[in-house]
Amino acid sequence: MKTPNAQKQERVPQQAEARQGMTVPKAQDGSGGAGASTADIEELPIPISHRHHLTLKAGIALCLGLIGSTYTIVHFIQIEPLNRKLEDAKALADSHDTERNALGSRLTKIQSQYDELTRSMTRPALIFPPDRASLLGGAITFEWDYAHHALGNGYVIELRNISELNANAKLIEVSRPESKRLFYDLGTTAFGEFLWRIRPGKMIAGQLAPLGEWSLPHSYVMNPNVISRVTKTARLLVASTPTSYDDLNATGASGGYQGFEVDLIRWIATQVGEKLGLKQALQIEFVQVPWNRLFQAVENGEVDIAIRSISKSAQREKEFRNIKFSSGYIQNHQVIIQRSRAGEFPAALDGAAIGVKASSVNERAARYLIPGLKWRVDPSFTNYGDIYQALQDGKIEFALVDSVLAEKFTRTRFVQLGPPLDELLRPFYETELGSAREEYAIAFHEAGVENALRTIIDESLASPVGKQKLAELRSQYGL
């Protein structure tokens, strides 16, 4: 019989061999003889338990990997786009706040000046049509103001056709006096020269019951259409907003007009006069109209056409039903300028203030680009001169401007950042302008199917002589 110590010594090597995964024979009588079975040893729990442990770890790692991958995919497919949309919405809201504050400040100032001016007036002030206006069509919207207007006030308009001898005055009672406005269609009796004035009061049994003084009278001439007015007066009424700093449409040292568009419209006037068979040369009468009223002036028929670096726009033709555009005469590009070279396009624009001219294609294009460029739009400028000054003073970092207007300044005072934005703006151009590119064009007053003047001018621009004239002017002004 073996002693306990001897048995212990035999078990130690057997356990060591078992831990190494070796098969150790075991005798039935406990002596470790060669006849022992290996089945019992193969079923030992140590190696089997180890494999289970490895499989569990691999499973946990695989699950964690799947969870991490799923989160990454969801983050980039859903969460990240939502974050970008949120940032874009915040940028747009900030831009609208800036615009609202700027416009609110301007409106308050203008309203204060207007109230001070009208406070001392004891009679109504006529607003539209202004004195000696020349209008188109058979309908008209009269507008006025009255500093002493009170609830219950009524108004009566006196209208007299002074182009007819012994014509009686017509008294028209205003149906909604609180609006201080009246739309009136004179029909076939609308054409000629008229005097109009207005008085607080009411019509009672066909008689005027006055409640205040008559306004001073204004005169206006109403014509059936543009061609009729041009033929009758031998004048072409051209709305414009000249500046002192660009080569397209500017006032000269002597007070006259000069520039690419001025020379172009003078050449066009000769073509129109010849095709209309006028006995005398067609004269151009420039009508200075602020930019924020330019399209309204064309819409109302206060002028025949407008030329002032105006982008041909399908959207504007929808917005103003009496406006149509000629074919384009020069191509323009939207570009970004800065005071001095700094930063790279487009990274430098992230969060920056971009100045634009109010109510312009520049402003609409800048707002369209907010999601991609993430800038803040500042539309508090009414002209490029103010934009240039703000850049110089450091009030804004960048400005979005027309390449045609700013070209000479980008060679001297300012630096262009990045390329022209035509590719980024192509979808915007298609929607806003109705074209794949931006062009300057002439805006026409057209009511109904009237298009005779536009047809004459388009044919003149498309003719060989017209193409040669445009090439000469571009060369002359470096455009």
Protein backbone atom coordinates (compact mmCIF):
# COMPACT_ATOMS: atom_id res chain seq x y z
CA MET A 1 0.00 0.00 0.00
CA LYS A 2 1.19 3.45 -0.92
CA THR A 3 1.57 6.07 1.70
CA PRO A 4 -0.44 9.34 1.52
CA ASN A 5 2.68 11.23 0.54
CA ALA A 6 3.32 8.91 -2.39
CA GLN A 7 -0.28 9.28 -3.58
CA LYS A 8 -0.01 13.06 -3.37
CA GLN A 9 3.18 13.05 -5.44
CA GLU A 10 1.45 11.03 -8.18
CA ARG A 11 -1.60 13.39 -8.26
CA VAL A 12 0.53 16.53 -8.75
CA PRO A 13 1.98 15.59 -12.17
CA GLN A 14 -1.43 14.26 -13.25
CA GLN A 15 -3.12 17.59 -12.44
CA ALA A 16 -0.35 19.53 -14.16
CA GLU A 17 -0.67 17.42 -17.27
CA ALA A 18 -4.44 17.77 -17.19
CA ARG A 19 -4.16 21.58 -17.02
CA GLN A 20 -2.00 21.46 -20.15
CA GLY A 21 -4.75 19.55 -21.97
CA MET A 22 -2.82 16.22 -21.99
CA THR A 23 -4.53 12.81 -21.72
CA VAL A 24 -3.39 11.02 -18.58
CA PRO A 25 -4.28 7.31 -18.27
CA LYS A 26 -5.98 6.37 -15.03
CA ALA A 27 -5.99 2.81 -13.77
CA GLN A 28 -9.19 1.33 -12.50
CA ASP A 29 -7.42 0.37 -9.26
CA GLY A 30 -5.98 3.85 -8.78
CA SER A 31 -2.43 2.76 -9.69
CA GLY A 32 -2.27 4.74 -12.98
CA GLY A 33 -1.81 1.62 -15.13
CA ALA A 34 -1.79 1.47 -18.90
CA GLY A 35 -5.32 0.09 -19.09
CA ALA A 36 -7.01 3.36 -17.82
CA SER A 37 -9.84 5.04 -19.99
CA THR A 38 -9.36 8.55 -21.45
CA ALA A 39 -13.08 9.51 -21.49
CA ASP A 40 -13.13 10.77 -17.93
CA ILE A 41 -10.14 13.02 -18.52
CA GLU A 42 -11.63 14.59 -21.72
CA GLU A 43 -14.73 15.60 -19.81
CA LEU A 44 -12.80 17.62 -17.23
CA PRO A 45 -14.50 21.04 -16.83
CA ILE A 46 -11.39 23.23 -17.03
CA PRO A 47 -10.78 23.42 -20.83
CA ILE A 48 -14.51 23.35 -21.63
CA SER A 49 -15.19 26.19 -19.19
CA HIS A 50 -12.31 28.18 -20.75
CA ARG A 51 -13.85 27.90 -24.23
CA HIS A 52 -17.18 29.11 -22.89
CA HIS A 53 -15.45 32.09 -21.31
CA LEU A 54 -13.80 33.04 -24.62
CA THR A 55 -17.07 32.73 -26.54
CA LEU A 56 -18.92 34.96 -24.07
CA LYS A 57 -16.27 37.69 -24.33
CA ALA A 58 -16.38 37.56 -28.12
CA GLY A 59 -20.16 37.83 -28.06
CA ILE A 60 -20.09 40.83 -25.76
CA ALA A 61 -17.46 42.51 -27.92
CA LEU A 62 -19.50 41.82 -31.05
CA CYS A 63 -22.64 43.29 -29.47
CA LEU A 64 -20.78 46.38 -28.32
CA GLY A 65 -19.33 46.77 -31.80
CA LEU A 66 -22.77 46.50 -33.38
CA ILE A 67 -24.19 49.04 -30.94
CA GLY A 68 -21.32 51.44 -31.63
CA SER A 69 -21.65 51.01 -35.39
CA THR A 70 -25.42 51.52 -35.22
CA TYR A 71 -24.98 54.72 -33.18
CA THR A 72 -22.37 56.01 -35.64
CA ILE A 73 -24.64 55.30 -38.61
CA VAL A 74 -27.67 56.91 -36.92
CA HIS A 75 -25.53 59.89 -35.89
CA PHE A 76 -24.34 60.64 -39.39
CA ILE A 77 -27.56 59.73 -41.20
CA GLN A 78 -30.12 61.28 -38.84
CA ILE A 79 -28.64 63.20 -35.91
CA GLU A 80 -25.95 65.16 -37.77
CA PRO A 81 -28.31 66.43 -40.52
CA LEU A 82 -30.80 67.48 -37.82
CA ASN A 83 -28.04 69.34 -35.98
CA ARG A 84 -27.09 71.11 -39.20
CA LYS A 85 -30.71 72.04 -39.86
CA LEU A 86 -30.98 73.38 -36.32
CA GLU A 87 -27.84 75.48 -36.79
CA ASP A 88 -29.13 76.75 -40.14
CA ALA A 89 -32.47 77.66 -38.58
CA LYS A 90 -30.70 79.55 -35.79
CA ALA A 91 -28.54 81.40 -38.35
CA LEU A 92 -31.62 82.31 -40.38
CA ALA A 93 -33.42 83.50 -37.24
CA ASP A 94 -30.43 85.65 -36.27
CA SER A 95 -30.37 87.09 -39.78
CA HIS A 96 -34.08 87.92 -39.62
CA ASP A 97 -33.61 89.53 -36.21
CA THR A 98 -30.84 91.73 -37.60
CA GLU A 99 -32.99 92.71 -40.56
CA ARG A 100 -36.04 93.40 -38.41
CA ASN A 101 -34.08 95.58 -36.01
CA ALA A 102 -32.46 97.56 -38.83
CA LEU A 103 -35.75 98.08 -40.68
CA GLY A 104 -37.54 98.93 -37.44
CA SER A 105 -35.00 101.61 -36.64
CA ARG A 106 -35.26 103.11 -40.12
CA LEU A 107 -39.05 103.02 -40.06
CA THR A 108 -39.20 104.74 -36.68
CA LYS A 109 -36.92 107.52 -37.90
CA ILE A 110 -38.86 108.06 -41.13
CA GLN A 111 -42.21 107.97 -39.33
CA SER A 112 -40.99 110.58 -36.84
CA GLN A 113 -39.88 112.89 -39.63
CA TYR A 114 -43.15 112.41 -41.48
CA ASP A 115 -45.28 113.08 -38.39
CA GLU A 116 -43.36 116.27 -37.67
CA LEU A 117 -43.87 117.44 -41.24
CA THR A 118 -47.63 116.76 -41.38
CA ARG A 119 -48.50 117.92 -37.86
CA SER A 120 -48.67 121.57 -38.92
CA MET A 121 -50.77 120.91 -42.05
CA THR A 122 -54.43 121.96 -41.89
CA ARG A 123 -55.51 120.35 -45.18
CA PRO A 124 -55.07 116.90 -46.73
CA ALA A 125 -51.77 116.12 -48.49
CA LEU A 126 -51.98 114.36 -51.87
CA ILE A 127 -49.60 111.42 -52.30
CA PHE A 128 -50.55 109.65 -55.54
CA PRO A 129 -50.73 110.52 -58.32
CA PRO A 130 -48.11 113.22 -57.71
CA ASP A 131 -48.41 116.58 -59.43
CA ARG A 132 -47.82 116.51 -63.21
CA ALA A 133 -47.65 112.73 -63.28
CA SER A 134 -48.00 110.84 -66.55
CA LEU A 135 -49.85 107.54 -66.06
CA LEU A 136 -51.00 104.57 -68.11
CA GLY A 137 -54.24 102.60 -68.27
CA GLY A 138 -57.85 103.33 -67.35
CA ALA A 139 -57.75 102.72 -63.60
CA ILE A 140 -56.02 104.70 -60.88
CA THR A 141 -55.45 104.45 -57.12
CA PHE A 142 -55.74 107.81 -55.37
CA GLU A 143 -53.76 108.13 -52.12
CA TRP A 144 -53.58 110.96 -49.58
CA ASP A 145 -52.92 111.69 -45.92
CA TYR A 146 -54.58 113.99 -43.38
CA ALA A 147 -52.99 114.84 -40.03
CA HIS A 148 -56.38 115.67 -38.48
CA HIS A 149 -58.16 112.52 -39.57
CA ALA A 150 -60.62 111.28 -36.93
CA LEU A 151 -62.96 108.34 -36.61
CA GLY A 152 -66.05 109.04 -38.67
CA ASN A 153 -64.29 111.40 -41.09
CA GLY A 154 -65.34 111.05 -44.71
CA TYR A 155 -63.65 112.32 -47.90
CA VAL A 156 -64.82 113.51 -51.28
CA ILE A 157 -62.54 113.62 -54.36
CA GLU A 158 -63.07 116.22 -57.05
CA LEU A 159 -61.92 115.13 -60.52
CA ARG A 160 -61.93 117.45 -63.53
CA ASN A 161 -60.91 116.60 -67.13
CA ILE A 162 -59.12 119.77 -68.21
CA SER A 163 -58.34 118.41 -71.70
CA GLU A 164 -62.02 118.85 -72.56
CA LEU A 165 -63.59 122.31 -72.82
CA ASN A 166 -66.33 123.10 -70.32
CA ALA A 167 -66.06 119.66 -68.68
CA ASN A 168 -67.89 119.44 -65.38
CA ALA A 169 -66.13 118.38 -62.21
CA LYS A 170 -66.97 114.91 -60.94
CA LEU A 171 -67.42 114.40 -57.18
CA ILE A 172 -66.55 110.94 -55.86
CA GLU A 173 -67.31 109.92 -52.27
CA VAL A 174 -64.70 107.64 -50.71
CA SER A 175 -66.27 104.39 -49.55
CA ARG A 176 -63.60 103.49 -46.97
CA PRO A 177 -62.26 106.81 -45.66
CA GLU A 178 -60.16 105.19 -42.90
CA SER A 179 -57.77 103.75 -45.54
CA LYS A 180 -57.15 107.19 -47.13
CA ARG A 181 -57.04 105.45 -50.48
CA LEU A 182 -59.47 104.90 -53.36
CA PHE A 183 -59.19 102.62 -56.40
CA TYR A 184 -61.22 104.08 -59.25
CA ASP A 185 -61.77 102.93 -62.83
CA LEU A 186 -62.77 105.70 -65.21
CA GLY A 187 -63.17 103.32 -68.16
CA THR A 188 -63.23 104.95 -71.59
CA THR A 189 -63.32 108.45 -70.05
CA ALA A 190 -59.98 107.93 -68.29
CA PHE A 191 -57.67 109.34 -70.95
CA GLY A 192 -56.64 112.97 -71.04
CA GLU A 193 -55.31 115.55 -68.57
CA PHE A 194 -56.97 115.82 -65.16
CA LEU A 195 -56.95 117.90 -62.00
CA TRP A 196 -57.76 116.22 -58.72
CA ARG A 197 -58.10 117.34 -55.11
CA ILE A 198 -59.75 116.04 -51.96
CA ARG A 199 -61.72 117.42 -49.03
CA PRO A 200 -62.92 116.03 -45.70
CA GLY A 201 -66.70 115.75 -45.92
CA LYS A 202 -69.66 113.70 -47.12
CA MET A 203 -72.18 113.68 -49.94
CA ILE A 204 -75.73 114.28 -48.70
CA ALA A 205 -78.56 114.23 -51.25
CA GLY A 206 -76.04 114.83 -54.05
CA GLN A 207 -74.51 117.83 -52.32
CA LEU A 208 -71.11 118.15 -50.64
CA ALA A 209 -71.21 118.66 -46.87
CA PRO A 210 -67.64 119.82 -46.10
CA LEU A 211 -65.80 119.00 -42.86
CA GLY A 212 -62.48 120.64 -43.69
CA GLU A 213 -60.46 122.49 -46.33
CA TRP A 214 -59.74 121.36 -49.88
CA SER A 215 -56.26 120.04 -50.53
CA LEU A 216 -54.07 121.79 -53.07
CA PRO A 217 -54.82 120.39 -56.56
CA HIS A 218 -52.56 118.04 -58.52
CA SER A 219 -52.62 117.40 -62.24
CA TYR A 220 -51.92 114.17 -64.10
CA VAL A 221 -52.14 112.84 -67.65
CA MET A 222 -53.61 109.39 -68.34
CA ASN A 223 -52.62 107.53 -71.52
CA PRO A 224 -54.00 104.21 -72.81
CA ASN A 225 -50.56 102.53 -73.18
CA VAL A 226 -46.82 103.15 -73.41
CA ILE A 227 -46.61 103.45 -77.20
CA SER A 228 -49.45 105.98 -77.19
CA ARG A 229 -47.65 108.12 -74.60
CA VAL A 230 -44.27 107.87 -76.33
CA THR A 231 -45.76 108.72 -79.74
CA LYS A 232 -47.83 111.62 -78.42
CA THR A 233 -45.10 113.22 -76.31
CA ALA A 234 -41.98 112.18 -78.27
CA ARG A 235 -40.46 111.39 -74.86
CA LEU A 236 -39.24 108.18 -73.30
CA LEU A 237 -39.64 108.21 -69.50
CA VAL A 238 -36.74 106.24 -68.02
CA ALA A 239 -36.61 105.42 -64.30
CA SER A 240 -33.13 105.14 -62.85
CA THR A 241 -31.13 105.48 -59.65
CA PRO A 242 -27.80 106.99 -60.64
CA THR A 243 -24.78 106.88 -58.37
CA SER A 244 -21.43 108.64 -58.24
CA TYR A 245 -19.26 105.51 -58.13
CA ASP A 246 -20.06 103.03 -60.91
CA ASP A 247 -19.59 102.94 -64.66
CA LEU A 248 -23.11 101.89 -65.60
CA ASN A 249 -25.35 104.73 -64.53
CA ALA A 250 -23.89 107.76 -62.79
CA THR A 251 -24.29 111.51 -62.45
CA GLY A 252 -21.48 113.52 -64.01
CA ALA A 253 -19.66 116.54 -62.64
CA SER A 254 -22.08 118.87 -64.46
CA GLY A 255 -25.15 117.07 -63.12
CA GLY A 256 -25.95 115.09 -66.28
CA TYR A 257 -26.08 111.32 -66.69
CA GLN A 258 -23.25 109.15 -67.97
CA GLY A 259 -22.20 105.52 -68.14
CA PHE A 260 -22.68 102.29 -70.05
CA GLU A 261 -26.46 102.12 -69.54
CA VAL A 262 -26.94 105.82 -70.28
CA ASP A 263 -25.15 105.51 -73.62
CA LEU A 264 -27.06 102.31 -74.37
CA ILE A 265 -30.49 103.82 -73.72
CA ARG A 266 -29.63 106.87 -75.82
CA TRP A 267 -28.76 104.61 -78.75
CA ILE A 268 -31.97 102.63 -78.15
CA ALA A 269 -34.03 105.86 -78.22
CA THR A 270 -32.80 106.60 -81.75
CA GLN A 271 -33.85 103.11 -82.86
CA VAL A 272 -37.31 103.46 -81.28
CA GLY A 273 -37.85 106.91 -82.79
CA GLU A 274 -36.98 105.65 -86.27
CA LYS A 275 -39.19 102.56 -86.05
CA LEU A 276 -42.14 104.60 -84.75
CA GLY A 277 -41.67 107.11 -87.58
CA LEU A 278 -41.60 110.11 -85.27
CA LYS A 279 -41.23 113.48 -86.97
CA GLN A 280 -38.85 114.66 -84.26
CA ALA A 281 -36.09 112.92 -82.33
CA LEU A 282 -37.27 110.89 -79.37
CA GLN A 283 -36.12 112.64 -76.19
CA ILE A 284 -35.11 110.78 -73.04
CA GLU A 285 -36.40 112.04 -69.71
CA PHE A 286 -34.59 110.41 -66.79
CA VAL A 287 -36.77 110.08 -63.69
CA GLN A 288 -34.80 109.55 -60.49
CA VAL A 289 -36.59 106.94 -58.41
CA PRO A 290 -35.26 105.42 -55.16
CA TRP A 291 -34.36 101.75 -55.54
CA ASN A 292 -37.07 100.64 -53.10
CA ARG A 293 -39.72 102.29 -55.35
CA LEU A 294 -38.22 101.48 -58.73
CA PHE A 295 -40.40 98.50 -59.63
CA GLN A 296 -43.51 100.09 -58.16
CA ALA A 297 -42.95 103.11 -60.40
CA VAL A 298 -42.80 100.85 -63.46
CA GLU A 299 -45.81 98.88 -62.26
CA ASN A 300 -47.89 102.07 -61.85
CA GLY A 301 -46.95 103.38 -65.29
CA GLU A 302 -45.18 106.41 -63.83
CA VAL A 303 -42.40 105.61 -66.30
CA ASP A 304 -42.15 103.67 -69.55
CA ILE A 305 -39.04 101.68 -68.70
CA ALA A 306 -36.38 101.32 -66.01
CA ILE A 307 -32.66 100.73 -66.46
CA ARG A 308 -30.33 100.46 -63.45
CA SER A 309 -28.27 97.24 -63.31
CA ILE A 310 -31.57 95.34 -62.96
CA SER A 311 -31.35 91.56 -63.07
CA LYS A 312 -33.82 89.95 -65.43
CA SER A 313 -36.13 88.12 -63.04
CA ALA A 314 -39.05 85.75 -63.57
CA GLN A 315 -39.94 86.20 -59.91
CA ARG A 316 -40.27 89.97 -60.31
CA GLU A 317 -42.52 89.50 -63.31
CA LYS A 318 -44.80 87.40 -61.07
CA GLU A 319 -44.64 89.89 -58.23
CA PHE A 320 -45.43 92.91 -60.43
CA ARG A 321 -48.13 92.02 -62.96
CA ASN A 322 -47.44 95.02 -65.24
CA ILE A 323 -43.66 94.44 -65.55
CA LYS A 324 -41.81 92.53 -68.27
CA PHE A 325 -38.08 92.37 -69.07
CA SER A 326 -36.12 92.78 -72.27
CA SER A 327 -33.47 90.33 -73.41
CA GLY A 328 -30.26 90.64 -71.39
CA TYR A 329 -27.53 93.07 -72.44
CA ILE A 330 -24.68 92.13 -70.08
CA GLN A 331 -23.92 89.09 -67.89
CA ASN A 332 -23.37 89.49 -64.16
CA HIS A 333 -21.90 87.24 -61.44
CA GLN A 334 -22.50 87.25 -57.69
CA VAL A 335 -19.15 87.65 -55.87
CA ILE A 336 -17.94 88.09 -52.29
CA ILE A 337 -15.60 90.96 -51.43
CA GLN A 338 -13.64 91.91 -48.31
CA ARG A 339 -11.43 94.78 -47.22
CA SER A 340 -8.13 92.85 -47.33
CA ARG A 341 -7.12 89.31 -48.07
CA ALA A 342 -7.91 87.13 -45.04
CA GLY A 343 -9.14 83.56 -44.64
CA GLU A 344 -10.03 80.92 -47.17
CA PHE A 345 -13.26 80.30 -49.04
CA PRO A 346 -15.65 79.05 -47.72
CA ALA A 347 -14.40 78.44 -44.16
CA ALA A 348 -13.87 82.17 -43.47
CA LEU A 349 -17.60 82.84 -44.00
CA ASP A 350 -18.85 80.58 -41.19
CA GLY A 351 -20.68 82.87 -38.74
CA ALA A 352 -19.49 86.06 -40.48
CA ALA A 353 -21.68 89.09 -41.26
CA ILE A 354 -22.35 89.52 -45.00
CA GLY A 355 -23.62 92.92 -46.16
CA VAL A 356 -26.14 93.11 -49.02
CA LYS A 357 -28.24 95.75 -50.73
CA ALA A 358 -31.82 95.61 -49.44
CA SER A 359 -34.54 94.19 -51.72
CA SER A 360 -32.00 93.09 -54.31
CA VAL A 361 -31.02 89.82 -55.97
CA ASN A 362 -27.90 90.05 -53.77
CA GLU A 363 -30.07 89.77 -50.66
CA ARG A 364 -32.15 86.89 -52.01
CA ALA A 365 -29.04 85.02 -53.15
CA ALA A 366 -27.35 85.54 -49.76
CA ARG A 367 -30.36 84.10 -47.94
CA TYR A 368 -30.46 81.14 -50.31
CA LEU A 369 -26.80 80.37 -49.47
CA ILE A 370 -27.20 80.46 -45.66
CA PRO A 371 -27.43 76.65 -45.22
CA GLY A 372 -24.17 76.07 -47.08
CA LEU A 373 -22.08 79.08 -46.05
CA LYS A 374 -23.61 79.69 -42.59
CA TRP A 375 -23.17 83.45 -42.66
CA ARG A 376 -25.37 86.17 -41.15
CA VAL A 377 -27.10 88.40 -43.70
CA ASP A 378 -27.16 92.15 -43.03
CA PRO A 379 -29.63 93.84 -45.46
CA SER A 380 -29.53 97.29 -43.85
CA PHE A 381 -27.87 98.93 -46.88
CA THR A 382 -29.78 100.84 -49.57
CA ASN A 383 -26.84 101.29 -51.95
CA TYR A 384 -23.36 99.98 -52.69
CA GLY A 385 -21.72 103.17 -51.41
CA ASP A 386 -22.93 102.39 -47.88
CA ILE A 387 -21.71 98.79 -48.23
CA TYR A 388 -18.24 99.91 -49.31
CA GLN A 389 -18.04 102.32 -46.38
CA ALA A 390 -19.14 99.64 -43.91
CA LEU A 391 -16.40 97.33 -45.21
CA GLN A 392 -13.81 100.07 -44.82
CA ASP A 393 -14.99 100.83 -41.27
CA GLY A 394 -14.97 97.15 -40.28
CA LYS A 395 -18.70 97.10 -39.51
CA ILE A 396 -19.09 94.07 -41.77
CA GLU A 397 -16.51 91.47 -42.75
CA PHE A 398 -17.79 90.62 -46.22
CA ALA A 399 -20.29 91.80 -48.84
CA LEU A 400 -22.15 89.98 -51.61
CA VAL A 401 -22.20 92.22 -54.68
CA ASP A 402 -22.57 92.24 -58.47
CA SER A 403 -19.28 91.61 -60.27
CA VAL A 404 -20.16 94.20 -62.93
CA LEU A 405 -20.66 96.98 -60.38
CA ALA A 406 -17.77 96.12 -58.07
CA GLU A 407 -15.15 95.07 -60.61
CA LYS A 408 -13.09 98.25 -60.56
CA PHE A 409 -13.14 98.29 -56.74
CA THR A 410 -11.93 94.68 -56.48
CA ARG A 411 -8.86 95.81 -58.39
CA THR A 412 -8.16 98.69 -56.02
CA ARG A 413 -9.92 99.01 -52.65
CA PHE A 414 -11.23 95.49 -52.03
CA VAL A 415 -10.33 91.83 -52.53
CA GLN A 416 -12.58 89.12 -53.93
CA LEU A 417 -12.95 86.04 -51.71
CA GLY A 418 -13.36 82.79 -53.58
CA PRO A 419 -14.75 82.33 -57.09
CA PRO A 420 -17.97 83.71 -58.59
CA LEU A 421 -20.91 81.86 -57.03
CA ASP A 422 -22.63 80.83 -60.27
CA GLU A 423 -22.41 77.07 -59.63
CA LEU A 424 -23.69 77.33 -56.05
CA LEU A 425 -26.52 79.60 -57.21
CA ARG A 426 -27.61 77.68 -60.29
CA PRO A 427 -30.79 76.24 -58.68
CA PHE A 428 -31.57 79.69 -57.26
CA TYR A 429 -31.14 81.28 -60.70
CA GLU A 430 -33.49 78.73 -62.25
CA THR A 431 -36.21 79.52 -59.71
CA GLU A 432 -35.65 83.24 -59.13
CA LEU A 433 -34.49 84.42 -62.55
CA GLY A 434 -35.92 81.72 -64.81
CA SER A 435 -32.49 81.23 -66.36
CA ALA A 436 -29.21 79.41 -65.71
CA ARG A 437 -27.30 82.70 -65.52
CA GLU A 438 -27.81 86.26 -64.34
CA GLU A 439 -28.14 89.13 -66.85
CA TYR A 440 -29.02 92.81 -66.63
CA ALA A 441 -32.10 93.81 -68.63
CA ILE A 442 -34.54 96.68 -69.16
CA ALA A 443 -37.82 96.61 -67.20
CA PHE A 444 -40.97 97.65 -69.13
CA HIS A 445 -44.44 98.70 -68.09
CA GLU A 446 -46.78 96.35 -69.94
CA ALA A 447 -50.49 95.98 -69.25
CA GLY A 448 -52.40 93.15 -70.88
CA VAL A 449 -51.04 92.06 -74.26
CA GLU A 450 -49.21 95.33 -74.92
CA ASN A 451 -45.58 94.65 -75.89
CA ALA A 452 -44.84 96.92 -78.86
CA LEU A 453 -42.03 98.91 -77.20
CA ARG A 454 -40.33 95.79 -75.82
CA THR A 455 -40.49 94.12 -79.23
CA ILE A 456 -38.79 97.11 -80.87
CA ILE A 457 -36.01 97.22 -78.29
CA ASP A 458 -35.40 93.44 -78.29
CA GLU A 459 -35.14 93.46 -82.08
CA SER A 460 -32.70 96.38 -81.92
CA LEU A 461 -30.46 94.64 -79.35
CA ALA A 462 -30.47 91.37 -81.35
CA SER A 463 -29.62 93.03 -84.67
CA PRO A 464 -26.03 93.01 -86.00
CA VAL A 465 -25.85 96.76 -85.38
CA GLY A 466 -27.08 96.26 -81.82
CA LYS A 467 -24.54 93.52 -81.08
CA GLN A 468 -21.77 95.73 -82.43
CA LYS A 469 -22.96 98.65 -80.29
CA LEU A 470 -22.97 96.49 -77.14
CA ALA A 471 -19.45 95.25 -77.91
CA GLU A 472 -18.22 98.83 -78.38
CA LEU A 473 -19.75 99.96 -75.08
CA ARG A 474 -18.34 96.99 -73.16
CA SER A 475 -14.91 97.77 -74.52
CA GLN A 476 -15.27 101.49 -73.78
CA TYR A 477 -16.22 100.91 -70.13
CA GLY A 478 -14.07 97.84 -69.53
CA LEU A 479 -17.02 95.55 -68.77
